[in-house]
Amino acid sequence: MRQWQTNRMANDSKRYAMVCSRCGSDDVSRDAWADWDTGKQEWVLRCAFDYAHCHQCDGETSITEVELAPAQ
């Protein structure tokens, strides 16, 4: 489980979208730290912070978790 995942998300087969609480867009970002993993040769997410930005609204927002329909 990655640090930014909740226990429910890591153990749940359901799918989720993270959307802007103001406009509903899924074009959102979180402020985070990533560390370089020399062995994997890739950036690995260490933690995600509370700050969220909506690129549709072009401003700070809060993110709402929305459950998606099962994959077909």
PDB file of N, CA and C in Angstrom:
ATOM      1  N   MET A   1       0.843  -1.176   0.000  1.00  0.00           N
ATOM      2  CA  MET A   1       0.000   0.000   0.000  1.00  0.00           C
ATOM      3  C   MET A   1       0.890   1.242   0.000  1.00  0.00           C
ATOM      4  N   ARG A   2       0.624   2.171  -0.869  1.00  0.00           N
ATOM      5  CA  ARG A   2       1.358   3.425  -0.877  1.00  0.00           C
ATOM      6  C   ARG A   2       0.864   4.291   0.280  1.00  0.00           C
ATOM      7  N   GLN A   3       1.725   5.166   0.768  1.00  0.00           N
ATOM      8  CA  GLN A   3       1.391   5.960   1.947  1.00  0.00           C
ATOM      9  C   GLN A   3       0.156   6.834   1.731  1.00  0.00           C
ATOM     10  N   TRP A   4      -0.074   7.306   0.496  1.00  0.00           N
ATOM     11  CA  TRP A   4      -1.190   8.206   0.241  1.00  0.00           C
ATOM     12  C   TRP A   4      -2.524   7.476   0.122  1.00  0.00           C
ATOM     13  N   GLN A   5      -2.514   6.162   0.006  1.00  0.00           N
ATOM     14  CA  GLN A   5      -3.754   5.409  -0.096  1.00  0.00           C
ATOM     15  C   GLN A   5      -4.349   5.185   1.292  1.00  0.00           C
ATOM     16  N   THR A   6      -5.655   5.180   1.356  1.00  0.00           N
ATOM     17  CA  THR A   6      -6.298   4.776   2.596  1.00  0.00           C
ATOM     18  C   THR A   6      -6.311   3.257   2.635  1.00  0.00           C
ATOM     19  N   ASN A   7      -6.451   2.667   3.802  1.00  0.00           N
ATOM     20  CA  ASN A   7      -6.519   1.206   3.917  1.00  0.00           C
ATOM     21  C   ASN A   7      -7.654   0.648   3.073  1.00  0.00           C
ATOM     22  N   ARG A   8      -8.784   1.345   3.045  1.00  0.00           N
ATOM     23  CA  ARG A   8      -9.939   0.875   2.279  1.00  0.00           C
ATOM     24  C   ARG A   8      -9.608   0.851   0.792  1.00  0.00           C
ATOM     25  N   MET A   9      -8.926   1.882   0.290  1.00  0.00           N
ATOM     26  CA  MET A   9      -8.597   1.927  -1.131  1.00  0.00           C
ATOM     27  C   MET A   9      -7.629   0.808  -1.513  1.00  0.00           C
ATOM     28  N   ALA A  10      -6.669   0.517  -0.680  1.00  0.00           N
ATOM     29  CA  ALA A  10      -5.659  -0.492  -1.001  1.00  0.00           C
ATOM     30  C   ALA A  10      -6.253  -1.898  -1.005  1.00  0.00           C
ATOM     31  N   ASN A  11      -7.304  -2.134  -0.223  1.00  0.00           N
ATOM     32  CA  ASN A  11      -7.887  -3.470  -0.093  1.00  0.00           C
ATOM     33  C   ASN A  11      -9.247  -3.591  -0.771  1.00  0.00           C
ATOM     34  N   ASP A  12      -9.590  -2.646  -1.621  1.00  0.00           N
ATOM     35  CA  ASP A  12     -10.910  -2.579  -2.219  1.00  0.00           C
ATOM     36  C   ASP A  12     -10.778  -2.762  -3.727  1.00  0.00           C
ATOM     37  N   SER A  13     -11.613  -3.584  -4.327  1.00  0.00           N
ATOM     38  CA  SER A  13     -11.560  -3.783  -5.767  1.00  0.00           C
ATOM     39  C   SER A  13     -12.379  -2.725  -6.512  1.00  0.00           C
ATOM     40  N   LYS A  14     -13.025  -1.827  -5.780  1.00  0.00           N
ATOM     41  CA  LYS A  14     -13.805  -0.768  -6.414  1.00  0.00           C
ATOM     42  C   LYS A  14     -12.870   0.250  -7.050  1.00  0.00           C
ATOM     43  N   ARG A  15     -13.409   0.999  -8.019  1.00  0.00           N
ATOM     44  CA  ARG A  15     -12.644   2.035  -8.713  1.00  0.00           C
ATOM     45  C   ARG A  15     -13.149   3.403  -8.282  1.00  0.00           C
ATOM     46  N   TYR A  16     -12.241   4.380  -8.239  1.00  0.00           N
ATOM     47  CA  TYR A  16     -12.588   5.715  -7.765  1.00  0.00           C
ATOM     48  C   TYR A  16     -12.040   6.777  -8.699  1.00  0.00           C
ATOM     49  N   ALA A  17     -12.707   7.917  -8.735  1.00  0.00           N
ATOM     50  CA  ALA A  17     -12.198   9.116  -9.394  1.00  0.00           C
ATOM     51  C   ALA A  17     -12.033  10.161  -8.305  1.00  0.00           C
ATOM     52  N   MET A  18     -11.010  10.965  -8.431  1.00  0.00           N
ATOM     53  CA  MET A  18     -10.803  12.090  -7.528  1.00  0.00           C
ATOM     54  C   MET A  18     -11.181  13.337  -8.312  1.00  0.00           C
ATOM     55  N   VAL A  19     -12.168  14.082  -7.808  1.00  0.00           N
ATOM     56  CA  VAL A  19     -12.703  15.227  -8.557  1.00  0.00           C
ATOM     57  C   VAL A  19     -12.710  16.487  -7.702  1.00  0.00           C
ATOM     58  N   CYS A  20     -12.749  17.613  -8.388  1.00  0.00           N
ATOM     59  CA  CYS A  20     -12.842  18.921  -7.731  1.00  0.00           C
ATOM     60  C   CYS A  20     -14.194  19.039  -7.036  1.00  0.00           C
ATOM     61  N   SER A  21     -14.179  19.459  -5.782  1.00  0.00           N
ATOM     62  CA  SER A  21     -15.436  19.587  -5.037  1.00  0.00           C
ATOM     63  C   SER A  21     -16.283  20.758  -5.523  1.00  0.00           C
ATOM     64  N   ARG A  22     -15.697  21.671  -6.298  1.00  0.00           N
ATOM     65  CA  ARG A  22     -16.452  22.818  -6.806  1.00  0.00           C
ATOM     66  C   ARG A  22     -17.066  22.564  -8.176  1.00  0.00           C
ATOM     67  N   CYS A  23     -16.263  22.062  -9.135  1.00  0.00           N
ATOM     68  CA  CYS A  23     -16.771  21.938 -10.509  1.00  0.00           C
ATOM     69  C   CYS A  23     -16.956  20.497 -10.970  1.00  0.00           C
ATOM     70  N   GLY A  24     -16.411  19.520 -10.220  1.00  0.00           N
ATOM     71  CA  GLY A  24     -16.571  18.114 -10.576  1.00  0.00           C
ATOM     72  C   GLY A  24     -15.551  17.586 -11.567  1.00  0.00           C
ATOM     73  N   SER A  25     -14.619  18.424 -12.000  1.00  0.00           N
ATOM     74  CA  SER A  25     -13.596  17.987 -12.956  1.00  0.00           C
ATOM     75  C   SER A  25     -12.640  17.001 -12.295  1.00  0.00           C
ATOM     76  N   ASP A  26     -12.144  16.048 -13.102  1.00  0.00           N
ATOM     77  CA  ASP A  26     -11.127  15.134 -12.578  1.00  0.00           C
ATOM     78  C   ASP A  26      -9.709  15.601 -12.946  1.00  0.00           C
ATOM     79  N   ASP A  27      -9.591  16.822 -13.444  1.00  0.00           N
ATOM     80  CA  ASP A  27      -8.290  17.407 -13.783  1.00  0.00           C
ATOM     81  C   ASP A  27      -7.734  18.118 -12.551  1.00  0.00           C
ATOM     82  N   VAL A  28      -7.396  17.312 -11.535  1.00  0.00           N
ATOM     83  CA  VAL A  28      -6.935  17.835 -10.251  1.00  0.00           C
ATOM     84  C   VAL A  28      -5.543  17.291  -9.916  1.00  0.00           C
ATOM     85  N   SER A  29      -4.822  18.044  -9.117  1.00  0.00           N
ATOM     86  CA  SER A  29      -3.477  17.653  -8.679  1.00  0.00           C
ATOM     87  C   SER A  29      -3.347  17.859  -7.180  1.00  0.00           C
ATOM     88  N   ARG A  30      -2.445  17.097  -6.577  1.00  0.00           N
ATOM     89  CA  ARG A  30      -2.122  17.246  -5.157  1.00  0.00           C
ATOM     90  C   ARG A  30      -0.657  17.619  -5.029  1.00  0.00           C
ATOM     91  N   ASP A  31      -0.343  18.407  -4.021  1.00  0.00           N
ATOM     92  CA  ASP A  31       1.034  18.716  -3.684  1.00  0.00           C
ATOM     93  C   ASP A  31       1.609  17.476  -3.021  1.00  0.00           C
ATOM     94  N   ALA A  32       2.830  17.078  -3.403  1.00  0.00           N
ATOM     95  CA  ALA A  32       3.381  15.815  -2.895  1.00  0.00           C
ATOM     96  C   ALA A  32       4.906  15.837  -2.905  1.00  0.00           C
ATOM     97  N   TRP A  33       5.490  14.879  -2.207  1.00  0.00           N
ATOM     98  CA  TRP A  33       6.927  14.620  -2.261  1.00  0.00           C
ATOM     99  C   TRP A  33       7.141  13.310  -2.993  1.00  0.00           C
ATOM    100  N   ALA A  34       8.118  13.304  -3.885  1.00  0.00           N
ATOM    101  CA  ALA A  34       8.532  12.080  -4.564  1.00  0.00           C
ATOM    102  C   ALA A  34      10.032  11.916  -4.356  1.00  0.00           C
ATOM    103  N   ASP A  35      10.459  10.689  -4.165  1.00  0.00           N
ATOM    104  CA  ASP A  35      11.873  10.371  -3.944  1.00  0.00           C
ATOM    105  C   ASP A  35      12.387   9.537  -5.107  1.00  0.00           C
ATOM    106  N   TRP A  36      13.634   9.800  -5.496  1.00  0.00           N
ATOM    107  CA  TRP A  36      14.256   9.016  -6.548  1.00  0.00           C
ATOM    108  C   TRP A  36      14.694   7.675  -5.981  1.00  0.00           C
ATOM    109  N   ASP A  37      14.232   6.579  -6.588  1.00  0.00           N
ATOM    110  CA  ASP A  37      14.614   5.227  -6.201  1.00  0.00           C
ATOM    111  C   ASP A  37      15.677   4.754  -7.190  1.00  0.00           C
ATOM    112  N   THR A  38      16.924   4.697  -6.723  1.00  0.00           N
ATOM    113  CA  THR A  38      18.035   4.333  -7.596  1.00  0.00           C
ATOM    114  C   THR A  38      17.880   2.920  -8.145  1.00  0.00           C
ATOM    115  N   GLY A  39      17.390   1.992  -7.330  1.00  0.00           N
ATOM    116  CA  GLY A  39      17.210   0.612  -7.775  1.00  0.00           C
ATOM    117  C   GLY A  39      16.153   0.474  -8.852  1.00  0.00           C
ATOM    118  N   LYS A  40      15.030   1.152  -8.686  1.00  0.00           N
ATOM    119  CA  LYS A  40      13.935   1.080  -9.657  1.00  0.00           C
ATOM    120  C   LYS A  40      14.135   2.038 -10.828  1.00  0.00           C
ATOM    121  N   GLN A  41      15.010   3.054 -10.641  1.00  0.00           N
ATOM    122  CA  GLN A  41      15.236   4.088 -11.640  1.00  0.00           C
ATOM    123  C   GLN A  41      13.948   4.830 -11.982  1.00  0.00           C
ATOM    124  N   GLU A  42      13.216   5.209 -10.924  1.00  0.00           N
ATOM    125  CA  GLU A  42      11.983   5.972 -11.117  1.00  0.00           C
ATOM    126  C   GLU A  42      11.673   6.766  -9.859  1.00  0.00           C
ATOM    127  N   TRP A  43      10.817   7.770 -10.021  1.00  0.00           N
ATOM    128  CA  TRP A  43      10.346   8.535  -8.880  1.00  0.00           C
ATOM    129  C   TRP A  43       9.264   7.734  -8.158  1.00  0.00           C
ATOM    130  N   VAL A  44       9.328   7.717  -6.836  1.00  0.00           N
ATOM    131  CA  VAL A  44       8.377   6.990  -6.002  1.00  0.00           C
ATOM    132  C   VAL A  44       7.704   7.994  -5.070  1.00  0.00           C
ATOM    133  N   LEU A  45       6.383   7.986  -5.051  1.00  0.00           N
ATOM    134  CA  LEU A  45       5.642   8.911  -4.209  1.00  0.00           C
ATOM    135  C   LEU A  45       5.888   8.601  -2.743  1.00  0.00           C
ATOM    136  N   ARG A  46       6.346   9.598  -1.982  1.00  0.00           N
ATOM    137  CA  ARG A  46       6.567   9.435  -0.543  1.00  0.00           C
ATOM    138  C   ARG A  46       5.295   9.795   0.228  1.00  0.00           C
ATOM    139  N   CYS A  47       4.734  10.954  -0.071  1.00  0.00           N
ATOM    140  CA  CYS A  47       3.504  11.366   0.611  1.00  0.00           C
ATOM    141  C   CYS A  47       2.809  12.458  -0.189  1.00  0.00           C
ATOM    142  N   ALA A  48       1.508  12.562  -0.012  1.00  0.00           N
ATOM    143  CA  ALA A  48       0.702  13.608  -0.633  1.00  0.00           C
ATOM    144  C   ALA A  48       0.185  14.524   0.458  1.00  0.00           C
ATOM    145  N   PHE A  49       0.208  15.812   0.190  1.00  0.00           N
ATOM    146  CA  PHE A  49      -0.213  16.801   1.180  1.00  0.00           C
ATOM    147  C   PHE A  49      -1.659  17.226   0.939  1.00  0.00           C
ATOM    148  N   ASP A  50      -2.181  18.033   1.831  1.00  0.00           N
ATOM    149  CA  ASP A  50      -3.571  18.462   1.759  1.00  0.00           C
ATOM    150  C   ASP A  50      -3.864  19.412   0.601  1.00  0.00           C
ATOM    151  N   TYR A  51      -2.871  20.218   0.180  1.00  0.00           N
ATOM    152  CA  TYR A  51      -3.140  21.195  -0.876  1.00  0.00           C
ATOM    153  C   TYR A  51      -3.556  20.494  -2.163  1.00  0.00           C
ATOM    154  N   ALA A  52      -4.654  20.949  -2.744  1.00  0.00           N
ATOM    155  CA  ALA A  52      -5.147  20.415  -4.015  1.00  0.00           C
ATOM    156  C   ALA A  52      -5.434  21.579  -4.956  1.00  0.00           C
ATOM    157  N   HIS A  53      -5.193  21.345  -6.241  1.00  0.00           N
ATOM    158  CA  HIS A  53      -5.398  22.371  -7.265  1.00  0.00           C
ATOM    159  C   HIS A  53      -6.275  21.787  -8.373  1.00  0.00           C
ATOM    160  N   CYS A  54      -7.270  22.558  -8.793  1.00  0.00           N
ATOM    161  CA  CYS A  54      -8.107  22.170  -9.935  1.00  0.00           C
ATOM    162  C   CYS A  54      -7.645  22.967 -11.147  1.00  0.00           C
ATOM    163  N   HIS A  55      -7.282  22.259 -12.217  1.00  0.00           N
ATOM    164  CA  HIS A  55      -6.813  22.924 -13.424  1.00  0.00           C
ATOM    165  C   HIS A  55      -7.977  23.503 -14.228  1.00  0.00           C
ATOM    166  N   GLN A  56      -9.179  22.992 -14.025  1.00  0.00           N
ATOM    167  CA  GLN A  56     -10.369  23.540 -14.682  1.00  0.00           C
ATOM    168  C   GLN A  56     -10.772  24.870 -14.039  1.00  0.00           C
ATOM    169  N   CYS A  57     -10.835  24.901 -12.709  1.00  0.00           N
ATOM    170  CA  CYS A  57     -11.166  26.128 -11.962  1.00  0.00           C
ATOM    171  C   CYS A  57      -9.961  27.074 -11.880  1.00  0.00           C
ATOM    172  N   ASP A  58      -8.762  26.522 -12.095  1.00  0.00           N
ATOM    173  CA  ASP A  58      -7.496  27.235 -11.977  1.00  0.00           C
ATOM    174  C   ASP A  58      -7.314  27.825 -10.583  1.00  0.00           C
ATOM    175  N   GLY A  59      -7.534  26.975  -9.576  1.00  0.00           N
ATOM    176  CA  GLY A  59      -7.352  27.444  -8.218  1.00  0.00           C
ATOM    177  C   GLY A  59      -7.362  26.317  -7.208  1.00  0.00           C
ATOM    178  N   GLU A  60      -7.165  26.712  -5.949  1.00  0.00           N
ATOM    179  CA  GLU A  60      -7.163  25.751  -4.853  1.00  0.00           C
ATOM    180  C   GLU A  60      -8.557  25.154  -4.671  1.00  0.00           C
ATOM    181  N   THR A  61      -8.594  23.890  -4.309  1.00  0.00           N
ATOM    182  CA  THR A  61      -9.869  23.201  -4.112  1.00  0.00           C
ATOM    183  C   THR A  61      -9.695  22.116  -3.061  1.00  0.00           C
ATOM    184  N   SER A  62     -10.763  21.429  -2.776  1.00  0.00           N
ATOM    185  CA  SER A  62     -10.686  20.185  -2.011  1.00  0.00           C
ATOM    186  C   SER A  62     -11.121  19.081  -2.969  1.00  0.00           C
ATOM    187  N   ILE A  63     -10.584  17.895  -2.743  1.00  0.00           N
ATOM    188  CA  ILE A  63     -10.854  16.787  -3.651  1.00  0.00           C
ATOM    189  C   ILE A  63     -11.901  15.861  -3.038  1.00  0.00           C
ATOM    190  N   THR A  64     -12.863  15.477  -3.860  1.00  0.00           N
ATOM    191  CA  THR A  64     -13.924  14.574  -3.459  1.00  0.00           C
ATOM    192  C   THR A  64     -13.688  13.218  -4.140  1.00  0.00           C
ATOM    193  N   GLU A  65     -13.815  12.158  -3.375  1.00  0.00           N
ATOM    194  CA  GLU A  65     -13.671  10.795  -3.893  1.00  0.00           C
ATOM    195  C   GLU A  65     -15.040  10.330  -4.397  1.00  0.00           C
ATOM    196  N   VAL A  66     -15.091   9.890  -5.660  1.00  0.00           N
ATOM    197  CA  VAL A  66     -16.341   9.440  -6.279  1.00  0.00           C
ATOM    198  C   VAL A  66     -16.154   7.997  -6.729  1.00  0.00           C
ATOM    199  N   GLU A  67     -17.038   7.111  -6.301  1.00  0.00           N
ATOM    200  CA  GLU A  67     -16.953   5.713  -6.718  1.00  0.00           C
ATOM    201  C   GLU A  67     -17.418   5.572  -8.166  1.00  0.00           C
ATOM    202  N   LEU A  68     -16.651   4.835  -8.971  1.00  0.00           N
ATOM    203  CA  LEU A  68     -16.982   4.597 -10.368  1.00  0.00           C
ATOM    204  C   LEU A  68     -17.685   3.261 -10.547  1.00  0.00           C
ATOM    205  N   ALA A  69     -18.373   3.125 -11.657  1.00  0.00           N
ATOM    206  CA  ALA A  69     -19.002   1.849 -11.996  1.00  0.00           C
ATOM    207  C   ALA A  69     -17.901   0.822 -12.212  1.00  0.00           C
ATOM    208  N   PRO A  70     -18.193  -0.443 -11.952  1.00  0.00           N
ATOM    209  CA  PRO A  70     -17.195  -1.493 -12.183  1.00  0.00           C
ATOM    210  C   PRO A  70     -16.726  -1.507 -13.639  1.00  0.00           C
ATOM    211  N   ALA A  71     -15.459  -1.863 -13.851  1.00  0.00           N
ATOM    212  CA  ALA A  71     -14.917  -1.965 -15.201  1.00  0.00           C
ATOM    213  C   ALA A  71     -15.632  -3.082 -15.953  1.00  0.00           C
ATOM    214  N   GLN A  72     -15.897  -2.867 -17.201  1.00  0.00           N
ATOM    215  CA  GLN A  72     -16.597  -3.872 -18.011  1.00  0.00           C
ATOM    216  C   GLN A  72     -15.610  -4.756 -18.699  1.00  0.00           C
TER     217      GLN A  72
END
